[in-house]
C-alpha atoms as a PDB file:
ATOM      1  CA  MET A   1       9.666 105.484   7.292  1.00  0.00           C
ATOM      2  CA  THR A   2      13.263 106.278   8.141  1.00  0.00           C
ATOM      3  CA  THR A   3      16.236 106.181   5.589  1.00  0.00           C
ATOM      4  CA  LYS A   4      18.477 105.304   8.206  1.00  0.00           C
ATOM      5  CA  GLU A   5      20.729 101.840   7.386  1.00  0.00           C
ATOM      6  CA  THR A   6      20.407  99.559  10.131  1.00  0.00           C
ATOM      7  CA  ILE A   7      21.638  95.886  10.754  1.00  0.00           C
ATOM      8  CA  PHE A   8      18.513  94.437   9.498  1.00  0.00           C
ATOM      9  CA  SER A   9      19.229  96.924   6.062  1.00  0.00           C
ATOM     10  CA  LYS A  10      22.843  95.001   5.843  1.00  0.00           C
ATOM     11  CA  ILE A  11      20.948  92.183   5.499  1.00  0.00           C
ATOM     12  CA  ILE A  12      18.029  93.043   3.427  1.00  0.00           C
ATOM     13  CA  SER A  13      21.438  94.101   0.548  1.00  0.00           C
ATOM     14  CA  ARG A  14      23.097  91.095   1.675  1.00  0.00           C
ATOM     15  CA  GLU A  15      26.601  93.399   3.991  1.00  0.00           C
ATOM     16  CA  ILE A  16      26.307  90.902   7.088  1.00  0.00           C
ATOM     17  CA  PRO A  17      25.089  87.344   6.415  1.00  0.00           C
ATOM     18  CA  ALA A  18      22.365  86.290   8.278  1.00  0.00           C
ATOM     19  CA  ASP A  19      20.309  82.429   8.407  1.00  0.00           C
ATOM     20  CA  ILE A  20      17.735  82.987   6.140  1.00  0.00           C
ATOM     21  CA  VAL A  21      14.602  80.291   6.233  1.00  0.00           C
ATOM     22  CA  TYR A  22      12.403  82.540   3.647  1.00  0.00           C
ATOM     23  CA  GLU A  23      12.283  85.632   0.816  1.00  0.00           C
ATOM     24  CA  ASP A  24      10.086  87.209  -1.237  1.00  0.00           C
ATOM     25  CA  ASP A  25       9.541  91.056  -3.293  1.00  0.00           C
ATOM     26  CA  LEU A  26       8.589  92.350   0.394  1.00  0.00           C
ATOM     27  CA  ALA A  27       9.490  90.771   3.025  1.00  0.00           C
ATOM     28  CA  LEU A  28      12.748  88.466   5.016  1.00  0.00           C
ATOM     29  CA  ALA A  29      12.664  86.175   7.514  1.00  0.00           C
ATOM     30  CA  PHE A  30      16.065  84.515   8.901  1.00  0.00           C
ATOM     31  CA  ARG A  31      17.312  83.273  12.385  1.00  0.00           C
ATOM     32  CA  ASP A  32      17.407  85.775  15.723  1.00  0.00           C
ATOM     33  CA  VAL A  33      21.799  85.406  16.428  1.00  0.00           C
ATOM     34  CA  ASN A  34      20.225  85.945  19.672  1.00  0.00           C
ATOM     35  CA  PRO A  35      16.859  83.273  19.920  1.00  0.00           C
ATOM     36  CA  GLN A  36      14.689  83.635  23.254  1.00  0.00           C
ATOM     37  CA  ALA A  37      13.680  79.906  22.100  1.00  0.00           C
ATOM     38  CA  PRO A  38      13.671  76.972  20.546  1.00  0.00           C
ATOM     39  CA  VAL A  39      12.891  78.696  17.253  1.00  0.00           C
ATOM     40  CA  HIS A  40      13.109  82.523  17.101  1.00  0.00           C
ATOM     41  CA  ILE A  41      12.998  83.980  13.307  1.00  0.00           C
ATOM     42  CA  LEU A  42      12.769  87.738  12.843  1.00  0.00           C
ATOM     43  CA  VAL A  43      10.718  88.702   9.453  1.00  0.00           C
ATOM     44  CA  ILE A  44      11.191  92.117   8.125  1.00  0.00           C
ATOM     45  CA  PRO A  45       9.576  94.052   5.171  1.00  0.00           C
ATOM     46  CA  LYS A  46      12.354  95.401   2.452  1.00  0.00           C
ATOM     47  CA  LYS A  47      10.950  98.336   3.047  1.00  0.00           C
ATOM     48  CA  PRO A  48      12.870 100.745   5.822  1.00  0.00           C
ATOM     49  CA  ILE A  49      10.049 101.755   8.102  1.00  0.00           C
ATOM     50  CA  ALA A  50      11.208 101.649  11.800  1.00  0.00           C
ATOM     51  CA  LYS A  51       8.490 100.670  13.850  1.00  0.00           C
ATOM     52  CA  LEU A  52       5.255 100.274  14.251  1.00  0.00           C
ATOM     53  CA  ALA A  53       3.943 103.459  14.491  1.00  0.00           C
ATOM     54  CA  ASP A  54       5.406 104.229  11.305  1.00  0.00           C
ATOM     55  CA  ALA A  55       3.864 102.514   8.740  1.00  0.00           C
ATOM     56  CA  GLU A  56       0.508 105.044   7.257  1.00  0.00           C
ATOM     57  CA  SER A  57      -2.705 103.305   5.522  1.00  0.00           C
ATOM     58  CA  GLY A  58      -0.887 103.227   2.249  1.00  0.00           C
ATOM     59  CA  ASP A  59       1.394 100.643   3.766  1.00  0.00           C
ATOM     60  CA  HIS A  60      -2.104  98.071   4.988  1.00  0.00           C
ATOM     61  CA  ALA A  61      -0.950  95.697   2.758  1.00  0.00           C
ATOM     62  CA  LEU A  62       2.227  95.322   3.379  1.00  0.00           C
ATOM     63  CA  MET A  63       1.016  94.715   7.215  1.00  0.00           C
ATOM     64  CA  GLY A  64      -0.914  92.099   6.377  1.00  0.00           C
ATOM     65  CA  HIS A  65       1.898  89.853   4.066  1.00  0.00           C
ATOM     66  CA  LEU A  66       3.578  90.309   6.769  1.00  0.00           C
ATOM     67  CA  LEU A  67       1.988  88.607   9.045  1.00  0.00           C
ATOM     68  CA  LEU A  68       0.790  86.463   6.881  1.00  0.00           C
ATOM     69  CA  THR A  69       4.401  85.576   5.953  1.00  0.00           C
ATOM     70  CA  VAL A  70       4.549  85.028   9.754  1.00  0.00           C
ATOM     71  CA  LYS A  71       1.834  82.402   9.107  1.00  0.00           C
ATOM     72  CA  LEU A  72       4.557  80.521   6.335  1.00  0.00           C
ATOM     73  CA  VAL A  73       7.630  80.730   7.516  1.00  0.00           C
ATOM     74  CA  ALA A  74       5.738  79.292  11.313  1.00  0.00           C
ATOM     75  CA  GLU A  75       3.431  76.527   8.622  1.00  0.00           C
ATOM     76  CA  GLN A  76       6.889  75.662   7.104  1.00  0.00           C
ATOM     77  CA  LEU A  77       9.085  74.873  10.603  1.00  0.00           C
ATOM     78  CA  GLY A  78       6.357  72.721  11.918  1.00  0.00           C
ATOM     79  CA  LEU A  79       4.795  74.967  14.292  1.00  0.00           C
ATOM     80  CA  SER A  80       1.055  73.021  14.137  1.00  0.00           C
ATOM     81  CA  ASN A  81       1.445  73.481  18.314  1.00  0.00           C
ATOM     82  CA  GLY A  82       1.471  77.336  18.213  1.00  0.00           C
ATOM     83  CA  TYR A  83       3.873  80.344  18.347  1.00  0.00           C
ATOM     84  CA  ARG A  84       4.004  83.207  19.546  1.00  0.00           C
ATOM     85  CA  VAL A  85       4.121  86.588  17.162  1.00  0.00           C
ATOM     86  CA  VAL A  86       5.819  89.339  19.096  1.00  0.00           C
ATOM     87  CA  ILE A  87       6.557  93.396  17.485  1.00  0.00           C
ATOM     88  CA  ASN A  88       8.060  95.781  19.912  1.00  0.00           C
ATOM     89  CA  ASN A  89       7.267  99.106  19.001  1.00  0.00           C
ATOM     90  CA  GLY A  90      10.409 102.187  20.393  1.00  0.00           C
ATOM     91  CA  ASN A  91      12.258 102.008  23.425  1.00  0.00           C
ATOM     92  CA  ASP A  92       9.401 100.964  26.914  1.00  0.00           C
ATOM     93  CA  GLY A  93       8.258  98.229  24.255  1.00  0.00           C
ATOM     94  CA  GLY A  94      11.739  96.638  23.563  1.00  0.00           C
ATOM     95  CA  GLN A  95      12.143  97.868  20.981  1.00  0.00           C
ATOM     96  CA  THR A  96      16.463  97.627  19.528  1.00  0.00           C
ATOM     97  CA  VAL A  97      16.816  97.836  15.815  1.00  0.00           C
ATOM     98  CA  ASP A  98      15.031 100.632  14.049  1.00  0.00           C
ATOM     99  CA  HIS A  99      13.671  98.309  12.082  1.00  0.00           C
ATOM    100  CA  LEU A 100      10.046  96.986  11.658  1.00  0.00           C
ATOM    101  CA  HIS A 101      10.434  93.164  13.043  1.00  0.00           C
ATOM    102  CA  LEU A 102       8.100  90.373  13.915  1.00  0.00           C
ATOM    103  CA  HIS A 103       9.541  87.482  16.257  1.00  0.00           C
ATOM    104  CA  ILE A 104       7.826  84.126  15.838  1.00  0.00           C
ATOM    105  CA  LEU A 105       8.534  82.757  18.955  1.00  0.00           C
ATOM    106  CA  GLY A 106       8.416  78.565  19.298  1.00  0.00           C
ATOM    107  CA  GLY A 107       9.084  75.048  20.305  1.00  0.00           C
ATOM    108  CA  ARG A 108       8.655  75.742  23.601  1.00  0.00           C
ATOM    109  CA  HIS A 109       5.237  76.869  25.618  1.00  0.00           C
ATOM    110  CA  MET A 110       5.265  80.387  26.531  1.00  0.00           C
ATOM    111  CA  LYS A 111       4.547  81.817  29.829  1.00  0.00           C
ATOM    112  CA  TRP A 112       2.641  84.289  30.567  1.00  0.00           C
ATOM    113  CA  PRO A 113       3.022  87.684  30.853  1.00  0.00           C
ATOM    114  CA  PRO A 114       5.927  88.115  28.142  1.00  0.00           C
ATOM    115  CA  GLY A 115       7.403  91.142  30.987  1.00  0.00           C
END
């Protein structure tokens, strides 16, 4: 877990504006400012966890909640034809913000391999 302030913690505290599409007590979902697909949403926990590798066994309910939030947001956005969920972990994984986040990518056919 981290207590380092990030752009995402500033979005949670409303210090930085974001196009929020969903919020509850545990999670926040907003549009990515640099979209990589027609639909690109970030789902973040309000609890400051730096990366997936830092999640602990006590976070199991939160981790499940994040995946169910992805499902809910994707349904609300009409991604009935499918979407991709990505979690980058650490530098080699392409993570650029030290706050766990799940990418919802949709609105077009995704190619494989991804990168």
